[in-house]
N, C-alpha and C. Protein backbone atom coordinates (compact mmCIF):
# COMPACT_ATOMS: atom_id res chain seq x y z
N MET A 1 128.05 98.60 68.16
CA MET A 1 127.16 97.65 68.70
C MET A 1 126.26 98.44 70.01
N ASN A 2 125.26 98.19 70.18
CA ASN A 2 124.37 99.10 71.13
C ASN A 2 124.21 97.72 72.24
N VAL A 3 124.46 98.11 73.60
CA VAL A 3 124.24 96.94 74.46
C VAL A 3 123.38 97.55 75.59
N ARG A 4 122.54 96.95 75.86
CA ARG A 4 121.37 97.27 76.85
C ARG A 4 121.62 96.63 78.26
N LEU A 5 121.40 97.38 79.11
CA LEU A 5 121.85 97.08 80.62
C LEU A 5 120.41 96.21 80.88
N ILE A 6 120.70 95.44 81.69
CA ILE A 6 119.51 94.35 82.70
C ILE A 6 119.97 94.82 84.00
N TYR A 7 119.26 95.28 84.84
CA TYR A 7 119.68 95.45 86.27
C TYR A 7 118.44 95.10 87.18
N SER A 8 119.13 94.87 88.49
CA SER A 8 118.29 94.79 89.79
C SER A 8 119.29 95.54 90.81
N ALA A 9 118.54 95.84 91.85
CA ALA A 9 119.23 96.14 93.10
C ALA A 9 118.64 95.73 94.32
N ARG A 10 119.85 95.33 95.24
CA ARG A 10 119.03 94.93 96.62
C ARG A 10 119.93 95.59 97.51
N SER A 11 119.80 95.76 98.85
CA SER A 11 120.50 96.14 100.30
C SER A 11 120.45 95.57 101.07
N ASP A 12 121.53 95.12 101.80
CA ASP A 12 121.15 94.52 103.49
C ASP A 12 122.01 94.98 104.38
N VAL A 13 121.52 95.17 105.51
CA VAL A 13 122.07 95.94 106.67
C VAL A 13 123.48 94.76 107.31
N GLY A 14 123.40 93.74 106.89
CA GLY A 14 124.43 92.92 107.44
C GLY A 14 124.13 92.22 108.90
N LEU A 15 124.99 91.71 109.45
CA LEU A 15 124.81 91.26 110.73
C LEU A 15 125.39 91.89 111.87
N LEU A 16 126.38 92.90 111.49
CA LEU A 16 126.80 93.96 112.61
C LEU A 16 126.20 94.94 113.07
N ARG A 17 125.51 95.66 112.05
CA ARG A 17 124.73 97.06 112.20
C ARG A 17 123.17 97.08 112.42
N ASP A 18 122.76 97.94 113.29
CA ASP A 18 121.16 98.12 113.20
C ASP A 18 120.67 98.71 112.10
N GLY A 19 121.59 99.63 111.55
CA GLY A 19 120.80 100.53 110.30
C GLY A 19 121.89 100.21 109.13
N ASN A 20 121.25 100.84 108.21
CA ASN A 20 121.92 100.82 106.74
C ASN A 20 122.33 102.26 106.32
N GLU A 21 123.68 102.52 106.12
CA GLU A 21 123.74 103.76 105.64
C GLU A 21 124.12 103.93 103.93
N ASP A 22 123.84 102.86 103.67
CA ASP A 22 123.96 102.72 101.96
C ASP A 22 122.81 103.30 101.24
N SER A 23 123.27 103.59 100.09
CA SER A 23 122.40 104.01 99.02
C SER A 23 122.53 103.65 97.88
N GLY A 24 121.71 103.50 96.81
CA GLY A 24 122.09 103.11 95.49
C GLY A 24 120.89 103.31 94.73
N TYR A 25 121.25 103.02 93.34
CA TYR A 25 120.21 103.32 92.15
C TYR A 25 120.83 102.56 91.11
N ALA A 26 119.66 102.00 90.38
CA ALA A 26 119.92 101.14 89.35
C ALA A 26 118.98 101.50 88.22
N GLY A 27 119.69 102.01 86.74
CA GLY A 27 118.72 102.59 86.14
C GLY A 27 119.11 102.35 84.82
N PRO A 28 118.50 102.34 83.37
CA PRO A 28 118.79 101.94 82.26
C PRO A 28 119.97 102.44 81.62
N TRP A 29 120.35 103.71 82.33
CA TRP A 29 121.92 104.17 82.05
C TRP A 29 122.93 104.65 83.03
N MET A 30 122.51 104.14 84.21
CA MET A 30 123.42 104.39 85.32
C MET A 30 123.03 103.12 86.40
N LEU A 31 124.40 102.71 87.02
CA LEU A 31 124.29 102.07 88.38
C LEU A 31 124.98 102.87 89.15
N THR A 32 124.84 103.02 90.33
CA THR A 32 125.49 103.67 91.33
C THR A 32 125.22 102.85 92.80
N VAL A 33 126.34 103.01 93.43
CA VAL A 33 126.18 102.48 95.12
C VAL A 33 127.19 103.19 96.04
N CYS A 34 126.42 103.99 96.86
CA CYS A 34 126.95 105.03 97.77
C CYS A 34 126.92 104.33 99.24
N ASP A 35 128.34 104.08 99.88
CA ASP A 35 128.16 103.40 101.38
C ASP A 35 128.39 104.66 102.10
N GLY A 36 127.68 105.08 103.13
CA GLY A 36 128.03 105.90 104.04
C GLY A 36 128.92 105.00 104.91
N VAL A 37 130.09 106.25 105.61
CA VAL A 37 131.29 105.92 105.93
C VAL A 37 130.96 105.56 107.39
N GLY A 38 130.91 104.21 107.99
CA GLY A 38 130.26 103.79 109.21
C GLY A 38 131.48 104.63 110.33
N GLY A 39 130.98 105.08 111.35
CA GLY A 39 131.70 105.64 112.59
C GLY A 39 131.49 107.41 112.00
N ALA A 40 131.26 107.66 110.86
CA ALA A 40 131.23 109.35 110.43
C ALA A 40 129.92 109.83 110.86
N ALA A 41 129.81 110.92 111.03
CA ALA A 41 128.78 111.32 111.37
C ALA A 41 127.12 111.27 110.26
N ARG A 42 126.41 110.39 110.68
CA ARG A 42 125.31 110.60 109.41
C ARG A 42 125.38 110.10 108.26
N GLY A 43 126.41 108.95 107.67
CA GLY A 43 126.92 108.60 106.48
C GLY A 43 125.82 108.34 105.52
N ASP A 44 124.60 108.29 106.10
CA ASP A 44 123.30 107.71 105.59
C ASP A 44 122.93 109.08 104.90
N ILE A 45 123.33 110.58 105.53
CA ILE A 45 123.02 111.64 104.82
C ILE A 45 123.94 112.01 103.67
N ALA A 46 125.10 111.51 103.74
CA ALA A 46 126.00 111.64 102.46
C ALA A 46 125.61 110.91 101.39
N SER A 47 125.50 109.42 101.73
CA SER A 47 125.37 108.47 100.50
C SER A 47 124.09 108.94 99.81
N SER A 48 122.85 109.39 100.56
CA SER A 48 121.80 109.35 100.02
C SER A 48 121.63 111.11 99.11
N THR A 49 122.62 111.86 99.33
CA THR A 49 122.57 113.27 98.76
C THR A 49 123.45 112.70 97.69
N GLU A 50 124.63 111.80 97.79
CA GLU A 50 125.21 111.48 96.31
C GLU A 50 124.38 110.91 95.52
N VAL A 51 123.77 110.08 95.83
CA VAL A 51 122.85 109.56 94.87
C VAL A 51 121.74 110.29 94.31
N GLN A 52 121.15 111.20 95.01
CA GLN A 52 119.92 112.28 94.64
C GLN A 52 120.89 113.04 93.39
N GLN A 53 121.96 113.29 93.48
CA GLN A 53 122.56 114.18 92.53
C GLN A 53 123.14 113.39 91.17
N LEU A 54 123.42 111.71 91.35
CA LEU A 54 123.62 111.12 90.58
C LEU A 54 122.76 110.51 89.27
N ARG A 55 121.59 110.24 90.28
CA ARG A 55 120.59 109.89 89.68
C ARG A 55 119.72 110.80 88.54
N LYS A 56 120.23 111.83 88.81
CA LYS A 56 120.01 112.98 87.38
C LYS A 56 120.56 112.60 86.33
N LEU A 57 121.36 111.82 86.10
CA LEU A 57 122.42 111.34 85.13
C LEU A 57 121.64 110.24 84.26
N ASP A 58 120.54 109.84 84.89
CA ASP A 58 119.87 108.58 83.98
C ASP A 58 119.24 108.84 83.05
N ASP A 59 119.74 109.38 82.36
CA ASP A 59 119.10 109.89 80.60
C ASP A 59 120.31 109.49 79.44
N PRO A 60 119.66 109.26 78.25
CA PRO A 60 120.58 109.05 77.51
C PRO A 60 121.81 109.99 77.51
N PRO A 61 122.93 109.62 77.82
CA PRO A 61 123.95 110.67 78.28
C PRO A 61 124.66 111.16 77.17
N GLY A 62 125.27 112.50 77.24
CA GLY A 62 125.98 112.90 75.97
C GLY A 62 127.45 112.30 75.88
N ASP A 63 128.33 113.15 75.24
CA ASP A 63 129.48 112.48 74.77
C ASP A 63 130.57 112.27 75.91
N ASP A 64 130.66 113.16 76.87
CA ASP A 64 131.78 113.03 77.88
C ASP A 64 131.12 112.46 79.24
N LEU A 65 131.30 111.05 79.26
CA LEU A 65 130.42 110.60 80.39
C LEU A 65 131.37 110.94 81.65
N LEU A 66 132.57 111.00 81.73
CA LEU A 66 133.16 111.29 82.92
C LEU A 66 133.26 112.54 83.32
N ALA A 67 133.00 113.68 82.32
CA ALA A 67 132.73 115.02 82.86
C ALA A 67 131.12 115.21 83.32
N LEU A 68 130.32 114.39 83.15
CA LEU A 68 128.90 114.23 83.61
C LEU A 68 129.19 113.60 85.00
N VAL A 69 129.77 112.48 85.08
CA VAL A 69 129.81 111.93 86.57
C VAL A 69 130.57 113.17 87.61
N ALA A 70 131.55 113.83 86.93
CA ALA A 70 132.56 114.38 87.71
C ALA A 70 131.41 115.82 88.22
N GLY A 71 130.92 116.21 87.27
CA GLY A 71 129.91 117.36 87.58
C GLY A 71 128.88 117.07 88.40
N ALA A 72 128.38 115.80 88.47
CA ALA A 72 127.45 115.42 89.61
C ALA A 72 127.88 115.19 91.13
N ILE A 73 129.19 114.72 91.14
CA ILE A 73 130.14 114.46 92.34
C ILE A 73 130.05 115.82 92.75
N HIS A 74 130.46 116.74 92.20
CA HIS A 74 130.89 118.27 92.35
C HIS A 74 129.58 118.78 93.09
N ARG A 75 128.56 118.43 92.81
CA ARG A 75 127.11 119.00 93.25
C ARG A 75 126.90 118.35 94.38
N ALA A 76 127.07 116.98 94.40
CA ALA A 76 126.61 116.29 95.71
C ALA A 76 127.61 116.94 96.72
N HIS A 77 128.84 117.23 96.37
CA HIS A 77 129.77 117.51 97.54
C HIS A 77 129.58 119.32 98.08
N ASP A 78 129.04 120.04 97.06
CA ASP A 78 128.59 121.23 97.48
C ASP A 78 127.14 121.25 98.40
N ARG A 79 126.45 119.87 98.02
CA ARG A 79 124.84 120.20 98.55
C ARG A 79 125.26 119.62 99.91
N ILE A 80 125.81 118.62 99.84
CA ILE A 80 126.51 118.12 101.57
C ILE A 80 127.01 119.29 102.36
N GLY A 81 128.12 120.13 101.78
CA GLY A 81 128.54 121.22 102.55
C GLY A 81 127.41 122.16 103.01
N GLU A 82 126.22 122.46 102.21
CA GLU A 82 125.05 123.20 102.63
C GLU A 82 124.37 122.65 103.74
N LEU A 83 124.41 121.10 103.80
CA LEU A 83 123.68 120.62 104.91
C LEU A 83 124.41 120.72 105.95
N VAL A 84 125.75 120.24 105.88
CA VAL A 84 126.30 120.63 106.97
C VAL A 84 126.56 122.05 107.91
N GLU A 85 126.25 122.96 106.91
CA GLU A 85 126.55 124.66 107.51
C GLU A 85 125.07 124.52 108.08
N ASP A 86 123.87 124.01 107.73
CA ASP A 86 122.55 124.11 108.24
C ASP A 86 122.41 123.11 109.67
N ASP A 87 123.27 122.39 109.63
CA ASP A 87 123.32 121.25 110.78
C ASP A 87 124.63 120.79 111.27
N PRO A 88 125.39 121.70 111.80
CA PRO A 88 126.84 121.36 112.19
C PRO A 88 127.06 119.94 112.90
N SER A 89 126.22 119.38 113.35
CA SER A 89 125.97 117.91 114.10
C SER A 89 126.47 116.81 113.21
N ILE A 90 126.60 117.15 111.75
CA ILE A 90 126.61 116.09 110.98
C ILE A 90 128.02 116.31 110.28
N ASN A 91 128.66 117.54 110.85
CA ASN A 91 130.14 117.52 110.00
C ASN A 91 130.96 116.23 110.31
N GLY A 92 131.61 116.06 109.08
CA GLY A 92 132.26 114.75 108.70
C GLY A 92 131.62 113.71 108.26
N THR A 93 130.32 113.83 108.05
CA THR A 93 129.43 112.90 107.00
C THR A 93 130.02 112.63 105.96
N SER A 94 130.43 111.39 105.42
CA SER A 94 130.89 110.67 104.18
C SER A 94 130.49 109.61 103.71
N THR A 95 131.13 109.40 102.53
CA THR A 95 130.61 108.54 101.84
C THR A 95 131.39 107.78 100.81
N THR A 96 131.62 106.49 100.53
CA THR A 96 132.31 106.19 99.35
C THR A 96 131.36 106.02 97.98
N LEU A 97 132.00 105.95 96.68
CA LEU A 97 131.21 106.03 95.83
C LEU A 97 131.62 105.11 94.56
N THR A 98 130.53 104.25 94.24
CA THR A 98 131.24 103.83 92.76
C THR A 98 129.81 104.09 91.81
N VAL A 99 130.14 104.21 90.68
CA VAL A 99 129.03 104.64 89.62
C VAL A 99 129.49 103.82 88.36
N ALA A 100 128.65 103.67 87.67
CA ALA A 100 128.86 103.16 86.14
C ALA A 100 127.77 104.05 85.25
N LEU A 101 128.34 104.82 84.37
CA LEU A 101 127.37 105.54 83.63
C LEU A 101 127.51 105.08 82.21
N PHE A 102 126.27 104.55 81.24
CA PHE A 102 126.58 103.95 80.28
C PHE A 102 125.64 104.86 79.31
N ASP A 103 126.41 104.35 77.84
CA ASP A 103 125.77 105.49 76.73
C ASP A 103 125.13 104.26 75.54
N GLY A 104 125.18 103.13 76.00
CA GLY A 104 124.83 102.11 74.79
C GLY A 104 126.05 101.23 74.41
N ALA A 105 127.07 102.10 74.38
CA ALA A 105 128.55 101.22 74.01
C ALA A 105 129.44 101.44 74.78
N ARG A 106 129.54 102.64 75.68
CA ARG A 106 130.66 102.62 76.45
C ARG A 106 130.15 103.05 77.83
N VAL A 107 131.26 102.47 79.00
CA VAL A 107 130.87 102.83 80.22
C VAL A 107 131.62 103.83 80.83
């Protein structure tokens, strides 16, 4: 049985904050939202870096969905580390992650 995702995305700053540290992506094979941790140094950088790595998975995926997601998370972690090395003022940047990778039959 093949199932197709129908998707849309929206983000809202909310009532308490001036800026939005969330990043998200919705595509035919993947849905993700990353929420930069409030109070941490520049959570927007961590969340957008995570989404940049994950969105590369938005192609018909291979057999091991979990391994693909884990690899993207590790690449994002490494990239965030490089950004902190270049700019120590963002040390402590962090994000939460929710992701669903889809292959037409499995998530």
